[in-house]
Amino acid sequence: FDGTCRIGDHVWIGPHSYFDARNLILEDYVGWGPGAKVL
């Protein structure tokens, strides 16, 4: 509820991915493979 999540332009996130997005930045043109995770 008090977090920050910013996902930039042209970001591709594969299926079955998981994001702990309480304080997360994905800058432009990031490629995120299927099933990858961020804690």
Full PDB file with SEQRES, HELIX, SHEET, SSBOND, CRYST1, ORIGX, SCALE, CONECT and MASTER records, all heavy atoms in Angstrom:
SEQRES   1 A   39  PHE ASP GLY THR CYS ARG ILE GLY ASP HIS VAL TRP ILE          
SEQRES   2 A   39  GLY PRO HIS SER TYR PHE ASP ALA ARG ASN LEU ILE LEU          
SEQRES   3 A   39  GLU ASP TYR VAL GLY TRP GLY PRO GLY ALA LYS VAL LEU          
SHEET    1 AA1 2 THR A   4  ILE A   7  0                                        
SHEET    2 AA1 2 ASN A  23  LEU A  26  1                                        
SHEET    1 AA2 2 TRP A  12  ILE A  13  0                                        
SHEET    2 AA2 2 GLY A  31  TRP A  32  1                                        
SHEET    1 AA3 2 TYR A  18  PHE A  19  0                                        
SHEET    2 AA3 2 LYS A  37  VAL A  38  1                                        
CRYST1    1.000    1.000    1.000  90.00  90.00  90.00 P 1           1          
ORIGX1      1.000000  0.000000  0.000000        0.00000                         
ORIGX2      0.000000  1.000000  0.000000        0.00000                         
ORIGX3      0.000000  0.000000  1.000000        0.00000                         
SCALE1      1.000000  0.000000  0.000000        0.00000                         
SCALE2      0.000000  1.000000  0.000000        0.00000                         
SCALE3      0.000000  0.000000  1.000000        0.00000                         
ATOM      1  N   PHE A   1       0.808  -1.220   0.000  1.00  0.00           N  
ATOM      2  CA  PHE A   1       0.000   0.000   0.000  1.00  0.00           C  
ATOM      3  C   PHE A   1       0.846   1.277   0.000  1.00  0.00           C  
ATOM      4  O   PHE A   1       0.434   2.300  -0.538  1.00  0.00           O  
ATOM      5  CB  PHE A   1      -0.954   0.007   1.205  1.00  0.00           C  
ATOM      6  CG  PHE A   1      -0.255   0.155   2.531  1.00  0.00           C  
ATOM      7  CD1 PHE A   1      -0.076   1.406   3.103  1.00  0.00           C  
ATOM      8  CD2 PHE A   1       0.218  -0.966   3.216  1.00  0.00           C  
ATOM      9  CE1 PHE A   1       0.556   1.546   4.330  1.00  0.00           C  
ATOM     10  CE2 PHE A   1       0.855  -0.826   4.443  1.00  0.00           C  
ATOM     11  CZ  PHE A   1       1.035   0.432   5.000  1.00  0.00           C  
ATOM     12  N   ASP A   2       2.056   1.218   0.580  1.00  0.00           N  
ATOM     13  CA  ASP A   2       2.923   2.392   0.606  1.00  0.00           C  
ATOM     14  C   ASP A   2       4.180   2.184  -0.248  1.00  0.00           C  
ATOM     15  O   ASP A   2       5.193   2.843  -0.059  1.00  0.00           O  
ATOM     16  CB  ASP A   2       3.333   2.737   2.038  1.00  0.00           C  
ATOM     17  CG  ASP A   2       4.072   1.591   2.724  1.00  0.00           C  
ATOM     18  OD1 ASP A   2       4.156   0.483   2.131  1.00  0.00           O  
ATOM     19  OD2 ASP A   2       4.564   1.797   3.853  1.00  0.00           O  
ATOM     20  N   GLY A   3       4.102   1.246  -1.188  1.00  0.00           N  
ATOM     21  CA  GLY A   3       5.278   0.883  -1.975  1.00  0.00           C  
ATOM     22  C   GLY A   3       5.437   1.681  -3.261  1.00  0.00           C  
ATOM     23  O   GLY A   3       4.654   2.585  -3.574  1.00  0.00           O  
ATOM     24  N   THR A   4       6.492   1.322  -3.992  1.00  0.00           N  
ATOM     25  CA  THR A   4       6.797   1.928  -5.279  1.00  0.00           C  
ATOM     26  C   THR A   4       7.138   0.835  -6.277  1.00  0.00           C  
ATOM     27  O   THR A   4       7.982  -0.019  -6.008  1.00  0.00           O  
ATOM     28  CB  THR A   4       8.002   2.888  -5.173  1.00  0.00           C  
ATOM     29  OG1 THR A   4       7.670   3.953  -4.287  1.00  0.00           O  
ATOM     30  CG2 THR A   4       8.358   3.462  -6.538  1.00  0.00           C  
ATOM     31  N   CYS A   5       6.468   0.866  -7.426  1.00  0.00           N  
ATOM     32  CA  CYS A   5       6.774  -0.074  -8.502  1.00  0.00           C  
ATOM     33  C   CYS A   5       6.715   0.683  -9.821  1.00  0.00           C  
ATOM     34  O   CYS A   5       5.663   1.186 -10.196  1.00  0.00           O  
ATOM     35  CB  CYS A   5       5.795  -1.245  -8.509  1.00  0.00           C  
ATOM     36  SG  CYS A   5       6.025  -2.364  -9.917  1.00  0.00           S  
ATOM     37  N   ARG A   6       7.865   0.754 -10.502  1.00  0.00           N  
ATOM     38  CA  ARG A   6       7.916   1.434 -11.790  1.00  0.00           C  
ATOM     39  C   ARG A   6       8.465   0.477 -12.842  1.00  0.00           C  
ATOM     40  O   ARG A   6       9.560  -0.069 -12.682  1.00  0.00           O  
ATOM     41  CB  ARG A   6       8.774   2.701 -11.714  1.00  0.00           C  
ATOM     42  CG  ARG A   6       8.196   3.761 -10.800  1.00  0.00           C  
ATOM     43  CD  ARG A   6       8.687   5.160 -11.167  1.00  0.00           C  
ATOM     44  NE  ARG A   6      10.115   5.309 -11.078  1.00  0.00           N  
ATOM     45  CZ  ARG A   6      10.762   5.676  -9.964  1.00  0.00           C  
ATOM     46  NH1 ARG A   6      10.095   5.907  -8.839  1.00  0.00           N  
ATOM     47  NH2 ARG A   6      12.081   5.803  -9.956  1.00  0.00           N  
ATOM     48  N   ILE A   7       7.702   0.291 -13.898  1.00  0.00           N  
ATOM     49  CA  ILE A   7       8.090  -0.575 -15.011  1.00  0.00           C  
ATOM     50  C   ILE A   7       8.169   0.296 -16.258  1.00  0.00           C  
ATOM     51  O   ILE A   7       7.188   0.931 -16.637  1.00  0.00           O  
ATOM     52  CB  ILE A   7       7.090  -1.724 -15.202  1.00  0.00           C  
ATOM     53  CG1 ILE A   7       7.038  -2.592 -13.929  1.00  0.00           C  
ATOM     54  CG2 ILE A   7       7.455  -2.566 -16.411  1.00  0.00           C  
ATOM     55  CD1 ILE A   7       6.000  -3.696 -13.983  1.00  0.00           C  
ATOM     56  N   GLY A   8       9.336   0.346 -16.886  1.00  0.00           N  
ATOM     57  CA  GLY A   8       9.587   1.272 -17.978  1.00  0.00           C  
ATOM     58  C   GLY A   8       8.976   0.857 -19.307  1.00  0.00           C  
ATOM     59  O   GLY A   8       8.226  -0.119 -19.409  1.00  0.00           O  
ATOM     60  N   ASP A   9       9.338   1.587 -20.353  1.00  0.00           N  
ATOM     61  CA  ASP A   9       8.850   1.321 -21.703  1.00  0.00           C  
ATOM     62  C   ASP A   9       9.477   0.044 -22.274  1.00  0.00           C  
ATOM     63  O   ASP A   9      10.634  -0.285 -21.989  1.00  0.00           O  
ATOM     64  CB  ASP A   9       9.201   2.478 -22.639  1.00  0.00           C  
ATOM     65  CG  ASP A   9       8.573   3.798 -22.216  1.00  0.00           C  
ATOM     66  OD1 ASP A   9       7.535   3.769 -21.512  1.00  0.00           O  
ATOM     67  OD2 ASP A   9       9.108   4.860 -22.586  1.00  0.00           O  
ATOM     68  N   HIS A  10       8.708  -0.660 -23.100  1.00  0.00           N  
ATOM     69  CA  HIS A  10       9.190  -1.830 -23.853  1.00  0.00           C  
ATOM     70  C   HIS A  10       9.770  -2.913 -22.942  1.00  0.00           C  
ATOM     71  O   HIS A  10      10.764  -3.558 -23.283  1.00  0.00           O  
ATOM     72  CB  HIS A  10      10.235  -1.401 -24.887  1.00  0.00           C  
ATOM     73  CG  HIS A  10       9.716  -0.448 -25.908  1.00  0.00           C  
ATOM     74  ND1 HIS A  10       9.026  -0.845 -27.037  1.00  0.00           N  
ATOM     75  CD2 HIS A  10       9.765   0.906 -25.956  1.00  0.00           C  
ATOM     76  CE1 HIS A  10       8.691   0.224 -27.748  1.00  0.00           C  
ATOM     77  NE2 HIS A  10       9.117   1.294 -27.112  1.00  0.00           N  
ATOM     78  N   VAL A  11       9.154  -3.111 -21.800  1.00  0.00           N  
ATOM     79  CA  VAL A  11       9.568  -4.187 -20.890  1.00  0.00           C  
ATOM     80  C   VAL A  11       8.766  -5.443 -21.205  1.00  0.00           C  
ATOM     81  O   VAL A  11       7.536  -5.399 -21.279  1.00  0.00           O  
ATOM     82  CB  VAL A  11       9.384  -3.774 -19.418  1.00  0.00           C  
ATOM     83  CG1 VAL A  11       9.600  -4.969 -18.491  1.00  0.00           C  
ATOM     84  CG2 VAL A  11      10.341  -2.646 -19.051  1.00  0.00           C  
ATOM     85  N   TRP A  12       9.465  -6.551 -21.378  1.00  0.00           N  
ATOM     86  CA  TRP A  12       8.819  -7.846 -21.662  1.00  0.00           C  
ATOM     87  C   TRP A  12       9.003  -8.753 -20.466  1.00  0.00           C  
ATOM     88  O   TRP A  12      10.137  -9.022 -20.044  1.00  0.00           O  
ATOM     89  CB  TRP A  12       9.426  -8.493 -22.899  1.00  0.00           C  
ATOM     90  CG  TRP A  12       8.701  -9.729 -23.357  1.00  0.00           C  
ATOM     91  CD1 TRP A  12       7.665  -9.797 -24.252  1.00  0.00           C  
ATOM     92  CD2 TRP A  12       8.957 -11.091 -22.956  1.00  0.00           C  
ATOM     93  NE1 TRP A  12       7.261 -11.105 -24.425  1.00  0.00           N  
ATOM     94  CE2 TRP A  12       8.033 -11.924 -23.642  1.00  0.00           C  
ATOM     95  CE3 TRP A  12       9.870 -11.672 -22.077  1.00  0.00           C  
ATOM     96  CZ2 TRP A  12       8.007 -13.300 -23.481  1.00  0.00           C  
ATOM     97  CZ3 TRP A  12       9.836 -13.057 -21.909  1.00  0.00           C  
ATOM     98  CH2 TRP A  12       8.917 -13.858 -22.618  1.00  0.00           C  
ATOM     99  N   ILE A  13       7.890  -9.232 -19.915  1.00  0.00           N  
ATOM    100  CA  ILE A  13       7.894 -10.105 -18.742  1.00  0.00           C  
ATOM    101  C   ILE A  13       7.304 -11.453 -19.142  1.00  0.00           C  
ATOM    102  O   ILE A  13       6.143 -11.538 -19.562  1.00  0.00           O  
ATOM    103  CB  ILE A  13       7.090  -9.473 -17.590  1.00  0.00           C  
ATOM    104  CG1 ILE A  13       7.765  -8.182 -17.122  1.00  0.00           C  
ATOM    105  CG2 ILE A  13       6.936 -10.460 -16.441  1.00  0.00           C  
ATOM    106  CD1 ILE A  13       6.931  -7.362 -16.158  1.00  0.00           C  
ATOM    107  N   GLY A  14       8.084 -12.501 -19.010  1.00  0.00           N  
ATOM    108  CA  GLY A  14       7.641 -13.827 -19.417  1.00  0.00           C  
ATOM    109  C   GLY A  14       6.611 -14.425 -18.480  1.00  0.00           C  
ATOM    110  O   GLY A  14       6.432 -13.967 -17.335  1.00  0.00           O  
ATOM    111  N   PRO A  15       5.919 -15.466 -18.939  1.00  0.00           N  
ATOM    112  CA  PRO A  15       4.896 -16.120 -18.113  1.00  0.00           C  
ATOM    113  C   PRO A  15       5.463 -16.678 -16.817  1.00  0.00           C  
ATOM    114  O   PRO A  15       6.652 -16.988 -16.708  1.00  0.00           O  
ATOM    115  CB  PRO A  15       4.399 -17.259 -19.021  1.00  0.00           C  
ATOM    116  CG  PRO A  15       4.784 -16.851 -20.403  1.00  0.00           C  
ATOM    117  CD  PRO A  15       6.049 -16.070 -20.271  1.00  0.00           C  
ATOM    118  N   HIS A  16       4.597 -16.781 -15.811  1.00  0.00           N  
ATOM    119  CA  HIS A  16       4.909 -17.411 -14.522  1.00  0.00           C  
ATOM    120  C   HIS A  16       6.005 -16.672 -13.755  1.00  0.00           C  
ATOM    121  O   HIS A  16       6.715 -17.272 -12.945  1.00  0.00           O  
ATOM    122  CB  HIS A  16       5.301 -18.881 -14.712  1.00  0.00           C  
ATOM    123  CG  HIS A  16       4.236 -19.709 -15.363  1.00  0.00           C  
ATOM    124  ND1 HIS A  16       3.125 -20.174 -14.684  1.00  0.00           N  
ATOM    125  CD2 HIS A  16       4.096 -20.133 -16.653  1.00  0.00           C  
ATOM    126  CE1 HIS A  16       2.358 -20.852 -15.517  1.00  0.00           C  
ATOM    127  NE2 HIS A  16       2.912 -20.837 -16.718  1.00  0.00           N  
ATOM    128  N   SER A  17       6.134 -15.387 -13.986  1.00  0.00           N  
ATOM    129  CA  SER A  17       7.112 -14.590 -13.249  1.00  0.00           C  
ATOM    130  C   SER A  17       6.507 -14.094 -11.943  1.00  0.00           C  
ATOM    131  O   SER A  17       5.294 -13.991 -11.807  1.00  0.00           O  
ATOM    132  CB  SER A  17       7.561 -13.398 -14.090  1.00  0.00           C  
ATOM    133  OG  SER A  17       8.172 -13.834 -15.286  1.00  0.00           O  
ATOM    134  N   TYR A  18       7.393 -13.771 -10.983  1.00  0.00           N  
ATOM    135  CA  TYR A  18       6.935 -13.237  -9.700  1.00  0.00           C  
ATOM    136  C   TYR A  18       7.746 -12.003  -9.331  1.00  0.00           C  
ATOM    137  O   TYR A  18       8.973 -12.000  -9.438  1.00  0.00           O  
ATOM    138  CB  TYR A  18       7.060 -14.260  -8.572  1.00  0.00           C  
ATOM    139  CG  TYR A  18       6.761 -13.659  -7.218  1.00  0.00           C  
ATOM    140  CD1 TYR A  18       5.445 -13.441  -6.816  1.00  0.00           C  
ATOM    141  CD2 TYR A  18       7.781 -13.257  -6.358  1.00  0.00           C  
ATOM    142  CE1 TYR A  18       5.158 -12.858  -5.585  1.00  0.00           C  
ATOM    143  CE2 TYR A  18       7.509 -12.673  -5.130  1.00  0.00           C  
ATOM    144  CZ  TYR A  18       6.184 -12.474  -4.757  1.00  0.00           C  
ATOM    145  OH  TYR A  18       5.901 -11.877  -3.557  1.00  0.00           O  
ATOM    146  N   PHE A  19       7.035 -10.964  -8.878  1.00  0.00           N  
ATOM    147  CA  PHE A  19       7.694  -9.725  -8.482  1.00  0.00           C  
ATOM    148  C   PHE A  19       7.252  -9.319  -7.082  1.00  0.00           C  
ATOM    149  O   PHE A  19       6.064  -9.101  -6.837  1.00  0.00           O  
ATOM    150  CB  PHE A  19       7.331  -8.589  -9.453  1.00  0.00           C  
ATOM    151  CG  PHE A  19       7.847  -8.800 -10.840  1.00  0.00           C  
ATOM    152  CD1 PHE A  19       7.090  -9.488 -11.774  1.00  0.00           C  
ATOM    153  CD2 PHE A  19       9.087  -8.317 -11.219  1.00  0.00           C  
ATOM    154  CE1 PHE A  19       7.566  -9.699 -13.056  1.00  0.00           C  
ATOM    155  CE2 PHE A  19       9.571  -8.518 -12.499  1.00  0.00           C  
ATOM    156  CZ  PHE A  19       8.807  -9.207 -13.422  1.00  0.00           C  
ATOM    157  N   ASP A  20       8.217  -9.232  -6.168  1.00  0.00           N  
ATOM    158  CA  ASP A  20       8.003  -8.545  -4.908  1.00  0.00           C  
ATOM    159  C   ASP A  20       8.208  -7.069  -5.244  1.00  0.00           C  
ATOM    160  O   ASP A  20       9.340  -6.587  -5.321  1.00  0.00           O  
ATOM    161  CB  ASP A  20       9.012  -9.036  -3.875  1.00  0.00           C  
ATOM    162  CG  ASP A  20       8.865  -8.345  -2.535  1.00  0.00           C  
ATOM    163  OD1 ASP A  20       8.251  -7.261  -2.473  1.00  0.00           O  
ATOM    164  OD2 ASP A  20       9.404  -8.867  -1.538  1.00  0.00           O  
ATOM    165  N   ALA A  21       7.111  -6.368  -5.464  1.00  0.00           N  
ATOM    166  CA  ALA A  21       7.165  -5.012  -6.033  1.00  0.00           C  
ATOM    167  C   ALA A  21       6.922  -3.942  -4.983  1.00  0.00           C  
ATOM    168  O   ALA A  21       6.322  -2.909  -5.264  1.00  0.00           O  
ATOM    169  CB  ALA A  21       6.146  -4.892  -7.169  1.00  0.00           C  
ATOM    170  N   ARG A  22       7.393  -4.171  -3.790  1.00  0.00           N  
ATOM    171  CA  ARG A  22       7.223  -3.175  -2.733  1.00  0.00           C  
ATOM    172  C   ARG A  22       8.150  -1.968  -2.930  1.00  0.00           C  
ATOM    173  O   ARG A  22       7.836  -0.870  -2.516  1.00  0.00           O  
ATOM    174  CB  ARG A  22       7.471  -3.821  -1.365  1.00  0.00           C  
ATOM    175  CG  ARG A  22       6.446  -4.905  -1.013  1.00  0.00           C  
ATOM    176  CD  ARG A  22       6.871  -5.641   0.256  1.00  0.00           C  
ATOM    177  NE  ARG A  22       5.849  -6.562   0.723  1.00  0.00           N  
ATOM    178  CZ  ARG A  22       5.775  -7.851   0.366  1.00  0.00           C  
ATOM    179  NH1 ARG A  22       6.667  -8.353  -0.464  1.00  0.00           N  
ATOM    180  NH2 ARG A  22       4.826  -8.627   0.841  1.00  0.00           N  
ATOM    181  N   ASN A  23       9.311  -2.215  -3.577  1.00  0.00           N  
ATOM    182  CA  ASN A  23      10.239  -1.123  -3.896  1.00  0.00           C  
ATOM    183  C   ASN A  23      11.069  -1.579  -5.097  1.00  0.00           C  
ATOM    184  O   ASN A  23      12.204  -2.023  -4.945  1.00  0.00           O  
ATOM    185  CB  ASN A  23      11.125  -0.795  -2.697  1.00  0.00           C  
ATOM    186  CG  ASN A  23      11.824   0.549  -2.848  1.00  0.00           C  
ATOM    187  OD1 ASN A  23      11.917   1.086  -3.948  1.00  0.00           O  
ATOM    188  ND2 ASN A  23      12.310   1.088  -1.751  1.00  0.00           N  
ATOM    189  N   LEU A  24      10.485  -1.456  -6.275  1.00  0.00           N  
ATOM    190  CA  LEU A  24      11.044  -2.079  -7.478  1.00  0.00           C  
ATOM    191  C   LEU A  24      11.028  -1.127  -8.658  1.00  0.00           C  
ATOM    192  O   LEU A  24      10.041  -0.429  -8.896  1.00  0.00           O  
ATOM    193  CB  LEU A  24      10.230  -3.337  -7.822  1.00  0.00           C  
ATOM    194  CG  LEU A  24      10.577  -4.052  -9.133  1.00  0.00           C  
ATOM    195  CD1 LEU A  24      11.971  -4.675  -9.049  1.00  0.00           C  
ATOM    196  CD2 LEU A  24       9.532  -5.115  -9.449  1.00  0.00           C  
ATOM    197  N   ILE A  25      12.149  -1.118  -9.402  1.00  0.00           N  
ATOM    198  CA  ILE A  25      12.222  -0.368 -10.657  1.00  0.00           C  
ATOM    199  C   ILE A  25      12.778  -1.283 -11.738  1.00  0.00           C  
ATOM    200  O   ILE A  25      13.860  -1.858 -11.589  1.00  0.00           O  
ATOM    201  CB  ILE A  25      13.113   0.880 -10.525  1.00  0.00           C  
ATOM    202  CG1 ILE A  25      12.525   1.871  -9.526  1.00  0.00           C  
ATOM    203  CG2 ILE A  25      13.284   1.556 -11.890  1.00  0.00           C  
ATOM    204  CD1 ILE A  25      13.397   3.079  -9.273  1.00  0.00           C  
ATOM    205  N   LEU A  26      12.028  -1.413 -12.835  1.00  0.00           N  
ATOM    206  CA  LEU A  26      12.506  -2.062 -14.051  1.00  0.00           C  
ATOM    207  C   LEU A  26      12.614  -0.965 -15.108  1.00  0.00           C  
ATOM    208  O   LEU A  26      11.599  -0.389 -15.515  1.00  0.00           O  
ATOM    209  CB  LEU A  26      11.531  -3.143 -14.532  1.00  0.00           C  
ATOM    210  CG  LEU A  26      11.694  -4.563 -13.986  1.00  0.00           C  
ATOM    211  CD1 LEU A  26      11.571  -4.602 -12.480  1.00  0.00           C  
ATOM    212  CD2 LEU A  26      10.679  -5.497 -14.626  1.00  0.00           C  
ATOM    213  N   GLU A  27      13.834  -0.649 -15.525  1.00  0.00           N  
ATOM    214  CA  GLU A  27      14.018   0.424 -16.485  1.00  0.00           C  
ATOM    215  C   GLU A  27      13.640  -0.040 -17.898  1.00  0.00           C  
ATOM    216  O   GLU A  27      13.286  -1.202 -18.113  1.00  0.00           O  
ATOM    217  CB  GLU A  27      15.460   0.937 -16.418  1.00  0.00           C  
ATOM    218  CG  GLU A  27      15.790   1.565 -15.058  1.00  0.00           C  
ATOM    219  CD  GLU A  27      17.190   2.136 -14.979  1.00  0.00           C  
ATOM    220  OE1 GLU A  27      17.977   1.957 -15.934  1.00  0.00           O  
ATOM    221  OE2 GLU A  27      17.504   2.765 -13.946  1.00  0.00           O  
ATOM    222  N   ASP A  28      13.696   0.873 -18.863  1.00  0.00           N  
ATOM    223  CA  ASP A  28      13.244   0.595 -20.232  1.00  0.00           C  
ATOM    224  C   ASP A  28      13.984  -0.608 -20.839  1.00  0.00           C  
ATOM    225  O   ASP A  28      15.159  -0.848 -20.563  1.00  0.00           O  
ATOM    226  CB  ASP A  28      13.480   1.810 -21.127  1.00  0.00           C  
ATOM    227  CG  ASP A  28      12.685   3.032 -20.693  1.00  0.00           C  
ATOM    228  OD1 ASP A  28      11.791   2.890 -19.835  1.00  0.00           O  
ATOM    229  OD2 ASP A  28      12.968   4.125 -21.227  1.00  0.00           O  
ATOM    230  N   TYR A  29      13.268  -1.334 -21.693  1.00  0.00           N  
ATOM    231  CA  TYR A  29      13.813  -2.430 -22.502  1.00  0.00           C  
ATOM    232  C   TYR A  29      14.397  -3.578 -21.674  1.00  0.00           C  
ATOM    233  O   TYR A  29      15.314  -4.263 -22.119  1.00  0.00           O  
ATOM    234  CB  TYR A  29      14.859  -1.898 -23.483  1.00  0.00           C  
ATOM    235  CG  TYR A  29      14.249  -1.124 -24.635  1.00  0.00           C  
ATOM    236  CD1 TYR A  29      14.175   0.251 -24.586  1.00  0.00           C  
ATOM    237  CD2 TYR A  29      13.744  -1.782 -25.760  1.00  0.00           C  
ATOM    238  CE1 TYR A  29      13.609   0.979 -25.622  1.00  0.00           C  
ATOM    239  CE2 TYR A  29      13.183  -1.074 -26.805  1.00  0.00           C  
ATOM    240  CZ  TYR A  29      13.108   0.314 -26.734  1.00  0.00           C  
ATOM    241  OH  TYR A  29      12.541   1.025 -27.770  1.00  0.00           O  
ATOM    242  N   VAL A  30      13.870  -3.791 -20.491  1.00  0.00           N  
ATOM    243  CA  VAL A  30      14.268  -4.964 -19.709  1.00  0.00           C  
ATOM    244  C   VAL A  30      13.551  -6.197 -20.260  1.00  0.00           C  
ATOM    245  O   VAL A  30      12.350  -6.159 -20.543  1.00  0.00           O  
ATOM    246  CB  VAL A  30      13.944  -4.770 -18.217  1.00  0.00           C  
ATOM    247  CG1 VAL A  30      14.016  -6.099 -17.455  1.00  0.00           C  
ATOM    248  CG2 VAL A  30      14.896  -3.760 -17.592  1.00  0.00           C  
ATOM    249  N   GLY A  31      14.288  -7.283 -20.400  1.00  0.00           N  
ATOM    250  CA  GLY A  31      13.696  -8.569 -20.748  1.00  0.00           C  
ATOM    251  C   GLY A  31      13.722  -9.485 -19.537  1.00  0.00           C  
ATOM    252  O   GLY A  31      14.774  -9.651 -18.903  1.00  0.00           O  
ATOM    253  N   TRP A  32      12.574 -10.040 -19.206  1.00  0.00           N  
ATOM    254  CA  TRP A  32      12.435 -10.833 -17.975  1.00  0.00           C  
ATOM    255  C   TRP A  32      11.986 -12.244 -18.356  1.00  0.00           C  
ATOM    256  O   TRP A  32      10.866 -12.453 -18.791  1.00  0.00           O  
ATOM    257  CB  TRP A  32      11.420 -10.173 -17.052  1.00  0.00           C  
ATOM    258  CG  TRP A  32      11.439 -10.695 -15.652  1.00  0.00           C  
ATOM    259  CD1 TRP A  32      10.712 -11.744 -15.171  1.00  0.00           C  
ATOM    260  CD2 TRP A  32      12.233 -10.208 -14.565  1.00  0.00           C  
ATOM    261  NE1 TRP A  32      11.002 -11.941 -13.841  1.00  0.00           N  
ATOM    262  CE2 TRP A  32      11.935 -11.004 -13.445  1.00  0.00           C  
ATOM    263  CE3 TRP A  32      13.158  -9.176 -14.432  1.00  0.00           C  
ATOM    264  CZ2 TRP A  32      12.530 -10.802 -12.212  1.00  0.00           C  
ATOM    265  CZ3 TRP A  32      13.746  -8.987 -13.197  1.00  0.00           C  
ATOM    266  CH2 TRP A  32      13.435  -9.790 -12.104  1.00  0.00           C  
ATOM    267  N   GLY A  33      12.862 -13.218 -18.187  1.00  0.00           N  
ATOM    268  CA  GLY A  33      12.577 -14.574 -18.626  1.00  0.00           C  
ATOM    269  C   GLY A  33      11.446 -15.245 -17.870  1.00  0.00           C  
ATOM    270  O   GLY A  33      11.177 -14.912 -16.706  1.00  0.00           O  
ATOM    271  N   PRO A  34      10.768 -16.214 -18.502  1.00  0.00           N  
ATOM    272  CA  PRO A  34       9.678 -16.932 -17.850  1.00  0.00           C  
ATOM    273  C   PRO A  34      10.111 -17.546 -16.523  1.00  0.00           C  
ATOM    274  O   PRO A  34      11.189 -18.135 -16.411  1.00  0.00           O  
ATOM    275  CB  PRO A  34       9.323 -18.028 -18.866  1.00  0.00           C  
ATOM    276  CG  PRO A  34       9.739 -17.458 -20.184  1.00  0.00           C  
ATOM    277  CD  PRO A  34      10.969 -16.657 -19.895  1.00  0.00           C  
ATOM    278  N   GLY A  35       9.277 -17.359 -15.513  1.00  0.00           N  
ATOM    279  CA  GLY A  35       9.530 -17.961 -14.208  1.00  0.00           C  
ATOM    280  C   GLY A  35      10.562 -17.254 -13.352  1.00  0.00           C  
ATOM    281  O   GLY A  35      10.812 -17.680 -12.223  1.00  0.00           O  
ATOM    282  N   ALA A  36      11.156 -16.174 -13.851  1.00  0.00           N  
ATOM    283  CA  ALA A  36      12.142 -15.451 -13.049  1.00  0.00           C  
ATOM    284  C   ALA A  36      11.441 -14.709 -11.909  1.00  0.00           C  
ATOM    285  O   ALA A  36      10.261 -14.354 -12.009  1.00  0.00           O  
ATOM    286  CB  ALA A  36      12.928 -14.478 -13.908  1.00  0.00           C  
ATOM    287  N   LYS A  37      12.187 -14.459 -10.840  1.00  0.00           N  
ATOM    288  CA  LYS A  37      11.587 -13.873  -9.634  1.00  0.00           C  
ATOM    289  C   LYS A  37      12.471 -12.772  -9.071  1.00  0.00           C  
ATOM    290  O   LYS A  37      13.699 -12.826  -9.201  1.00  0.00           O  
ATOM    291  CB  LYS A  37      11.390 -14.952  -8.565  1.00  0.00           C  
ATOM    292  CG  LYS A  37      10.505 -16.114  -9.013  1.00  0.00           C  
ATOM    293  CD  LYS A  37      10.546 -17.238  -8.003  1.00  0.00           C  
ATOM    294  CE  LYS A  37       9.649 -18.391  -8.438  1.00  0.00           C  
ATOM    295  NZ  LYS A  37      10.149 -19.012  -9.702  1.00  0.00           N  
ATOM    296  N   VAL A  38      11.836 -11.800  -8.457  1.00  0.00           N  
ATOM    297  CA  VAL A  38      12.575 -10.804  -7.697  1.00  0.00           C  
ATOM    298  C   VAL A  38      11.993 -10.766  -6.285  1.00  0.00           C  
ATOM    299  O   VAL A  38      10.783 -10.723  -6.092  1.00  0.00           O  
ATOM    300  CB  VAL A  38      12.522  -9.409  -8.355  1.00  0.00           C  
ATOM    301  CG1 VAL A  38      11.099  -8.914  -8.531  1.00  0.00           C  
ATOM    302  CG2 VAL A  38      13.319  -8.397  -7.545  1.00  0.00           C  
ATOM    303  N   LEU A  39      12.872 -10.830  -5.299  1.00  0.00           N  
ATOM    304  CA  LEU A  39      12.473 -10.734  -3.899  1.00  0.00           C  
ATOM    305  C   LEU A  39      13.007  -9.420  -3.356  1.00  0.00           C  
ATOM    306  O   LEU A  39      14.228  -9.213  -3.322  1.00  0.00           O  
ATOM    307  CB  LEU A  39      13.028 -11.913  -3.098  1.00  0.00           C  
ATOM    308  CG  LEU A  39      12.621 -13.309  -3.606  1.00  0.00           C  
ATOM    309  CD1 LEU A  39      13.264 -14.379  -2.742  1.00  0.00           C  
ATOM    310  CD2 LEU A  39      11.112 -13.457  -3.615  1.00  0.00           C  
TER     311      LEU A  39                                                      
MASTER        0    0    0    0    6    0    0    6  310    1    0    3          
END                                                                             
